[in-house]
Each structure stands twice: as structure tokens, then as C-alpha cells.
């Protein structure tokens, strides 16, 4: 993105960086749903190689949730790029999206603590 922006002298292309990041995460997470182990399950197995079936289903559902989140977050990021309004782009991509990620991670952690009991 940076090289393309520099080559074409268009800083606006850098505004699409959050869209590209969400797209890449969506591709990785959704592709892992087609595999025997999702990406979240692989991370979980680093700490606990023997996961019960119920935990595996939970990890798959969490992977689905994050895939959907990346679609949502990337779509809103794209809308902020197309609006060509730096205020709204900065508010969403520099604040709101990070708050949403933090809230989702915190909620998932709380649910996981309850699930593990």
C-alpha cells in the first residue's frame, strides 16, 4: 500500500490500509474454517494439546464470530474511505474499531472463563 501510494503520489490509498488488514484476517480466519483445525484451535492447542470436543466446537464458533467481525469492521472501514472525510475515518479506524476489538476480546475472555468451569 505504501509503495503504491508513493508511486502514484496519492496518500489516499493509505487510508485503505485498515480495509486490507481486515480482508487478510477474514481470509485467514474463514479459510481455517475449511480445515480440520481452525486457527483459534491451533493457538489453543499450543497450551493444551488435548482439547475436548466441546472446546473444539467452541473454538470453531469463535472463529466464525471473528470472521463475521472482520467483514463488518472492514466494511465500515471501507465506507469511511469512500466518504473521503478524515474526521470520520480517524474516529472509526483510530478509535471505534479498536474499542470494538477490545470489547469483543474482553467478552470472549469472560465467556471462555465461564465455559472452562
N, C-alpha and C. Protein backbone atom coordinates (compact mmCIF):
# COMPACT_ATOMS: atom_id res chain seq x y z
N UNK A 1 0.82 -1.18 0.00
CA UNK A 1 0.00 0.00 0.00
C UNK A 1 0.87 1.26 0.00
N UNK A 2 1.89 1.23 0.83
CA UNK A 2 2.76 2.40 0.94
C UNK A 2 3.49 2.68 -0.36
N UNK A 3 4.01 1.63 -0.98
CA UNK A 3 4.76 1.79 -2.23
C UNK A 3 3.83 2.29 -3.33
N UNK A 4 2.64 1.73 -3.41
CA UNK A 4 1.67 2.16 -4.42
C UNK A 4 1.32 3.63 -4.21
N UNK A 5 1.09 4.02 -2.93
CA UNK A 5 0.78 5.43 -2.63
C UNK A 5 1.93 6.33 -3.05
N UNK A 6 3.15 5.89 -2.77
CA UNK A 6 4.33 6.69 -3.14
C UNK A 6 4.47 6.78 -4.65
N UNK A 7 4.29 5.66 -5.35
CA UNK A 7 4.44 5.66 -6.81
C UNK A 7 3.44 6.58 -7.49
N UNK A 8 2.21 6.58 -6.99
CA UNK A 8 1.17 7.37 -7.62
C UNK A 8 0.94 8.72 -6.93
N UNK A 9 1.76 9.03 -5.94
CA UNK A 9 1.65 10.28 -5.18
C UNK A 9 0.22 10.51 -4.69
N UNK A 10 -0.39 9.45 -4.18
CA UNK A 10 -1.76 9.51 -3.66
C UNK A 10 -1.77 8.97 -2.24
N UNK A 11 -1.76 9.87 -1.25
CA UNK A 11 -1.78 9.42 0.13
C UNK A 11 -3.11 8.75 0.47
N UNK A 12 -4.17 9.05 -0.28
CA UNK A 12 -5.48 8.50 -0.01
C UNK A 12 -5.49 6.97 -0.05
N UNK A 13 -4.58 6.39 -0.84
CA UNK A 13 -4.51 4.92 -0.90
C UNK A 13 -4.13 4.33 0.46
N UNK A 14 -3.38 5.08 1.26
CA UNK A 14 -3.02 4.60 2.60
C UNK A 14 -4.24 4.47 3.50
N UNK A 15 -5.28 5.21 3.20
CA UNK A 15 -6.49 5.14 4.01
C UNK A 15 -7.15 3.77 3.90
N UNK A 16 -6.82 3.02 2.86
CA UNK A 16 -7.40 1.69 2.66
C UNK A 16 -6.65 0.60 3.44
N UNK A 17 -5.62 1.00 4.18
CA UNK A 17 -4.84 0.03 4.95
C UNK A 17 -5.72 -0.78 5.92
N UNK A 18 -6.61 -0.15 6.71
CA UNK A 18 -7.46 -0.94 7.61
C UNK A 18 -8.37 -1.92 6.84
N UNK A 19 -8.80 -1.54 5.66
CA UNK A 19 -9.63 -2.42 4.84
C UNK A 19 -8.81 -3.66 4.45
N UNK A 20 -7.58 -3.44 4.03
CA UNK A 20 -6.71 -4.55 3.62
C UNK A 20 -6.40 -5.47 4.80
N UNK A 21 -6.15 -4.91 5.97
CA UNK A 21 -5.85 -5.73 7.15
C UNK A 21 -7.05 -6.59 7.51
N UNK A 22 -8.24 -6.01 7.52
CA UNK A 22 -9.45 -6.78 7.83
C UNK A 22 -9.70 -7.85 6.78
N UNK A 23 -9.43 -7.55 5.52
CA UNK A 23 -9.59 -8.54 4.46
C UNK A 23 -8.65 -9.72 4.66
N UNK A 24 -7.40 -9.43 5.00
CA UNK A 24 -6.43 -10.50 5.22
C UNK A 24 -6.84 -11.37 6.41
N UNK A 25 -7.23 -10.72 7.51
CA UNK A 25 -7.68 -11.50 8.67
C UNK A 25 -8.92 -12.33 8.34
N UNK A 26 -9.85 -11.75 7.58
CA UNK A 26 -11.04 -12.50 7.18
C UNK A 26 -10.65 -13.73 6.37
N UNK A 27 -9.74 -13.56 5.42
CA UNK A 27 -9.32 -14.68 4.58
C UNK A 27 -8.68 -15.77 5.43
N UNK A 28 -7.78 -15.40 6.33
CA UNK A 28 -7.10 -16.39 7.17
C UNK A 28 -8.09 -17.12 8.07
N UNK A 29 -8.95 -16.37 8.77
CA UNK A 29 -9.89 -17.00 9.70
C UNK A 29 -10.92 -17.84 8.97
N UNK A 30 -11.49 -17.32 7.89
CA UNK A 30 -12.52 -18.08 7.18
C UNK A 30 -11.93 -19.29 6.47
N UNK A 31 -10.73 -19.17 5.93
CA UNK A 31 -10.08 -20.33 5.32
C UNK A 31 -9.84 -21.43 6.35
N UNK A 32 -9.48 -21.03 7.56
CA UNK A 32 -9.23 -22.04 8.59
C UNK A 32 -10.49 -22.81 8.94
N UNK A 33 -11.66 -22.25 8.66
CA UNK A 33 -12.91 -22.98 8.90
C UNK A 33 -13.07 -24.17 7.96
N UNK A 34 -12.35 -24.17 6.86
CA UNK A 34 -12.42 -25.29 5.91
C UNK A 34 -11.42 -26.38 6.26
N UNK A 35 -10.58 -26.13 7.27
CA UNK A 35 -9.54 -27.07 7.66
C UNK A 35 -9.99 -27.88 8.88
N UNK A 36 -9.32 -29.00 9.14
CA UNK A 36 -9.69 -29.80 10.32
C UNK A 36 -9.57 -29.01 11.63
N UNK A 37 -8.58 -28.12 11.72
CA UNK A 37 -8.42 -27.28 12.90
C UNK A 37 -8.48 -25.81 12.48
N UNK A 38 -9.31 -25.04 13.19
CA UNK A 38 -9.35 -23.60 12.90
C UNK A 38 -8.10 -22.94 13.49
N UNK A 39 -7.86 -21.72 13.09
CA UNK A 39 -6.68 -21.01 13.57
C UNK A 39 -6.74 -20.81 15.09
N UNK A 40 -7.93 -20.56 15.62
CA UNK A 40 -8.06 -20.37 17.07
C UNK A 40 -7.81 -21.68 17.80
N UNK A 41 -8.27 -22.78 17.22
CA UNK A 41 -8.00 -24.09 17.83
C UNK A 41 -6.50 -24.38 17.84
N UNK A 42 -5.82 -24.03 16.76
CA UNK A 42 -4.36 -24.25 16.72
C UNK A 42 -3.66 -23.46 17.81
N UNK A 43 -4.07 -22.21 18.02
CA UNK A 43 -3.49 -21.41 19.10
C UNK A 43 -3.80 -22.04 20.46
N UNK A 44 -5.03 -22.50 20.64
CA UNK A 44 -5.43 -23.11 21.92
C UNK A 44 -4.63 -24.38 22.19
N UNK A 45 -4.33 -25.14 21.15
CA UNK A 45 -3.59 -26.40 21.32
C UNK A 45 -2.12 -26.15 21.69
N UNK A 46 -1.63 -24.94 21.53
CA UNK A 46 -0.27 -24.64 21.98
C UNK A 46 -0.16 -24.77 23.49
N UNK A 47 -1.25 -24.40 24.19
CA UNK A 47 -1.27 -24.50 25.65
C UNK A 47 -1.83 -25.82 26.14
N UNK A 48 -2.75 -26.39 25.40
CA UNK A 48 -3.43 -27.62 25.82
C UNK A 48 -3.65 -28.50 24.59
N UNK A 49 -2.72 -29.42 24.32
CA UNK A 49 -2.85 -30.26 23.11
C UNK A 49 -4.09 -31.15 23.10
N UNK A 50 -4.62 -31.48 24.27
CA UNK A 50 -5.78 -32.36 24.36
C UNK A 50 -7.04 -31.54 24.66
N UNK A 51 -7.72 -31.12 23.63
CA UNK A 51 -8.95 -30.35 23.81
C UNK A 51 -10.16 -31.26 23.70
N UNK A 52 -11.14 -31.11 24.60
CA UNK A 52 -12.37 -31.90 24.47
C UNK A 52 -13.18 -31.43 23.25
N UNK A 53 -14.06 -32.28 22.78
CA UNK A 53 -14.88 -31.96 21.59
C UNK A 53 -15.69 -30.69 21.79
N UNK A 54 -16.19 -30.48 23.01
CA UNK A 54 -16.97 -29.29 23.29
C UNK A 54 -16.12 -28.02 23.10
N UNK A 55 -14.86 -28.08 23.51
CA UNK A 55 -13.96 -26.94 23.35
C UNK A 55 -13.65 -26.69 21.87
N UNK A 56 -13.54 -27.76 21.10
CA UNK A 56 -13.27 -27.64 19.67
C UNK A 56 -14.45 -26.94 18.98
N UNK A 57 -15.67 -27.32 19.34
CA UNK A 57 -16.85 -26.66 18.78
C UNK A 57 -16.88 -25.18 19.17
N UNK A 58 -16.53 -24.90 20.43
CA UNK A 58 -16.49 -23.52 20.90
C UNK A 58 -15.48 -22.71 20.10
N UNK A 59 -14.31 -23.25 19.87
CA UNK A 59 -13.26 -22.56 19.11
C UNK A 59 -13.72 -22.30 17.68
N UNK A 60 -14.43 -23.25 17.09
CA UNK A 60 -14.96 -23.07 15.73
C UNK A 60 -15.96 -21.91 15.71
N UNK A 61 -16.83 -21.86 16.71
CA UNK A 61 -17.81 -20.77 16.78
C UNK A 61 -17.14 -19.42 16.98
N UNK A 62 -16.08 -19.39 17.77
CA UNK A 62 -15.34 -18.14 17.97
C UNK A 62 -14.69 -17.72 16.65
N UNK A 63 -14.18 -18.68 15.89
CA UNK A 63 -13.58 -18.37 14.59
C UNK A 63 -14.63 -17.80 13.63
N UNK A 64 -15.82 -18.36 13.66
CA UNK A 64 -16.92 -17.84 12.83
C UNK A 64 -17.25 -16.41 13.25
N UNK A 65 -17.32 -16.18 14.56
CA UNK A 65 -17.61 -14.83 15.05
C UNK A 65 -16.58 -13.83 14.54
N UNK A 66 -15.29 -14.16 14.68
CA UNK A 66 -14.25 -13.22 14.25
C UNK A 66 -14.27 -13.02 12.74
N UNK A 67 -14.59 -14.05 11.98
CA UNK A 67 -14.70 -13.89 10.53
C UNK A 67 -15.79 -12.88 10.20
N UNK A 68 -16.93 -13.01 10.86
CA UNK A 68 -18.03 -12.06 10.64
C UNK A 68 -17.65 -10.66 11.11
N UNK A 69 -16.93 -10.58 12.22
CA UNK A 69 -16.47 -9.28 12.71
C UNK A 69 -15.57 -8.60 11.70
N UNK A 70 -14.65 -9.37 11.09
CA UNK A 70 -13.73 -8.77 10.11
C UNK A 70 -14.49 -8.28 8.87
N UNK A 71 -15.56 -8.97 8.49
CA UNK A 71 -16.39 -8.48 7.39
C UNK A 71 -17.01 -7.14 7.78
N UNK A 72 -17.61 -7.10 8.96
CA UNK A 72 -18.24 -5.86 9.45
C UNK A 72 -17.23 -4.73 9.56
N UNK A 73 -16.14 -4.99 10.26
CA UNK A 73 -15.14 -3.95 10.52
C UNK A 73 -14.51 -3.45 9.22
N UNK A 74 -14.21 -4.37 8.32
CA UNK A 74 -13.64 -3.97 7.03
C UNK A 74 -14.62 -3.19 6.18
N UNK A 75 -15.89 -3.55 6.27
CA UNK A 75 -16.92 -2.82 5.50
C UNK A 75 -17.07 -1.40 6.00
N UNK A 76 -17.11 -1.23 7.31
CA UNK A 76 -17.23 0.12 7.86
C UNK A 76 -15.97 0.92 7.53
N UNK A 77 -14.80 0.28 7.63
CA UNK A 77 -13.55 0.96 7.27
C UNK A 77 -13.59 1.40 5.80
N UNK A 78 -14.12 0.55 4.93
CA UNK A 78 -14.24 0.90 3.51
C UNK A 78 -15.18 2.09 3.33
N UNK A 79 -16.29 2.09 4.04
CA UNK A 79 -17.24 3.21 3.95
C UNK A 79 -16.56 4.51 4.37
N UNK A 80 -15.76 4.45 5.44
CA UNK A 80 -15.08 5.67 5.87
C UNK A 80 -14.08 6.15 4.83
N UNK A 81 -13.48 5.24 4.08
CA UNK A 81 -12.57 5.64 3.00
C UNK A 81 -13.34 6.31 1.86
N UNK A 82 -14.48 5.72 1.53
CA UNK A 82 -15.26 6.25 0.40
C UNK A 82 -15.93 7.58 0.73
N UNK A 83 -16.17 7.85 2.01
CA UNK A 83 -16.74 9.14 2.41
C UNK A 83 -15.77 10.28 2.20
N UNK A 84 -14.48 9.95 2.16
CA UNK A 84 -13.42 10.95 2.00
C UNK A 84 -13.53 12.06 3.04
N UNK A 85 -13.82 11.66 4.27
CA UNK A 85 -13.91 12.59 5.39
C UNK A 85 -12.92 12.12 6.45
N UNK A 86 -11.81 12.84 6.60
CA UNK A 86 -10.75 12.42 7.51
C UNK A 86 -11.21 12.34 8.96
N UNK A 87 -12.15 13.18 9.34
CA UNK A 87 -12.65 13.13 10.71
C UNK A 87 -13.27 11.77 11.00
N UNK A 88 -14.22 11.36 10.14
CA UNK A 88 -14.90 10.08 10.38
C UNK A 88 -13.96 8.90 10.18
N UNK A 89 -13.04 8.99 9.23
CA UNK A 89 -12.06 7.91 9.03
C UNK A 89 -11.22 7.74 10.29
N UNK A 90 -10.75 8.86 10.83
CA UNK A 90 -9.90 8.81 12.03
C UNK A 90 -10.67 8.32 13.25
N UNK A 91 -11.88 8.81 13.43
CA UNK A 91 -12.69 8.39 14.59
C UNK A 91 -12.95 6.88 14.54
N UNK A 92 -13.35 6.37 13.37
CA UNK A 92 -13.66 4.94 13.31
C UNK A 92 -12.39 4.10 13.33
N UNK A 93 -11.48 4.36 12.41
CA UNK A 93 -10.30 3.49 12.26
C UNK A 93 -9.25 3.69 13.34
N UNK A 94 -9.27 4.84 14.00
CA UNK A 94 -8.29 5.11 15.04
C UNK A 94 -8.82 4.95 16.44
N UNK A 95 -10.14 4.84 16.59
CA UNK A 95 -10.72 4.72 17.93
C UNK A 95 -11.79 3.64 18.02
N UNK A 96 -12.88 3.83 17.30
CA UNK A 96 -14.03 2.94 17.44
C UNK A 96 -13.69 1.50 17.11
N UNK A 97 -12.97 1.26 16.02
CA UNK A 97 -12.66 -0.13 15.66
C UNK A 97 -11.81 -0.80 16.73
N UNK A 98 -10.88 -0.05 17.34
CA UNK A 98 -10.06 -0.63 18.41
C UNK A 98 -10.89 -0.89 19.66
N UNK A 99 -11.82 0.00 19.96
CA UNK A 99 -12.73 -0.24 21.09
C UNK A 99 -13.57 -1.49 20.85
N UNK A 100 -14.09 -1.64 19.62
CA UNK A 100 -14.88 -2.82 19.30
C UNK A 100 -14.06 -4.10 19.43
N UNK A 101 -12.84 -4.08 18.95
CA UNK A 101 -11.96 -5.24 19.08
C UNK A 101 -11.73 -5.56 20.55
N UNK A 102 -11.43 -4.54 21.35
CA UNK A 102 -11.21 -4.75 22.77
C UNK A 102 -12.43 -5.30 23.48
N UNK A 103 -13.59 -4.76 23.15
CA UNK A 103 -14.85 -5.24 23.75
C UNK A 103 -15.09 -6.70 23.37
N UNK A 104 -14.90 -7.02 22.10
CA UNK A 104 -15.11 -8.40 21.64
C UNK A 104 -14.13 -9.36 22.32
N UNK A 105 -12.88 -8.95 22.42
CA UNK A 105 -11.89 -9.80 23.08
C UNK A 105 -12.22 -9.99 24.56
N UNK A 106 -12.62 -8.91 25.22
CA UNK A 106 -13.00 -9.00 26.63
C UNK A 106 -14.20 -9.88 26.85
N UNK A 107 -15.22 -9.71 26.01
CA UNK A 107 -16.42 -10.54 26.12
C UNK A 107 -16.09 -12.02 25.89
N UNK A 108 -15.27 -12.27 24.89
CA UNK A 108 -14.90 -13.66 24.61
C UNK A 108 -14.12 -14.24 25.78
N UNK A 109 -13.25 -13.46 26.39
CA UNK A 109 -12.49 -13.94 27.54
C UNK A 109 -13.43 -14.30 28.70
N UNK A 110 -14.42 -13.42 28.95
CA UNK A 110 -15.38 -13.70 30.02
C UNK A 110 -16.19 -14.96 29.73
N UNK A 111 -16.63 -15.10 28.49
CA UNK A 111 -17.40 -16.29 28.11
C UNK A 111 -16.52 -17.54 28.24
N UNK A 112 -15.27 -17.44 27.83
CA UNK A 112 -14.36 -18.58 27.92
C UNK A 112 -14.12 -18.99 29.36
N UNK A 113 -14.01 -18.01 30.28
CA UNK A 113 -13.83 -18.34 31.69
C UNK A 113 -15.02 -19.11 32.22
N UNK A 114 -16.21 -18.68 31.84
CA UNK A 114 -17.43 -19.38 32.27
C UNK A 114 -17.49 -20.78 31.63
N UNK A 115 -17.09 -20.85 30.36
CA UNK A 115 -17.12 -22.11 29.62
C UNK A 115 -16.16 -23.13 30.24
N UNK A 116 -14.99 -22.68 30.69
CA UNK A 116 -13.97 -23.58 31.21
C UNK A 116 -14.34 -24.15 32.58
N UNK A 117 -15.26 -23.53 33.29
CA UNK A 117 -15.66 -24.04 34.61
C UNK A 117 -16.51 -25.23 34.52
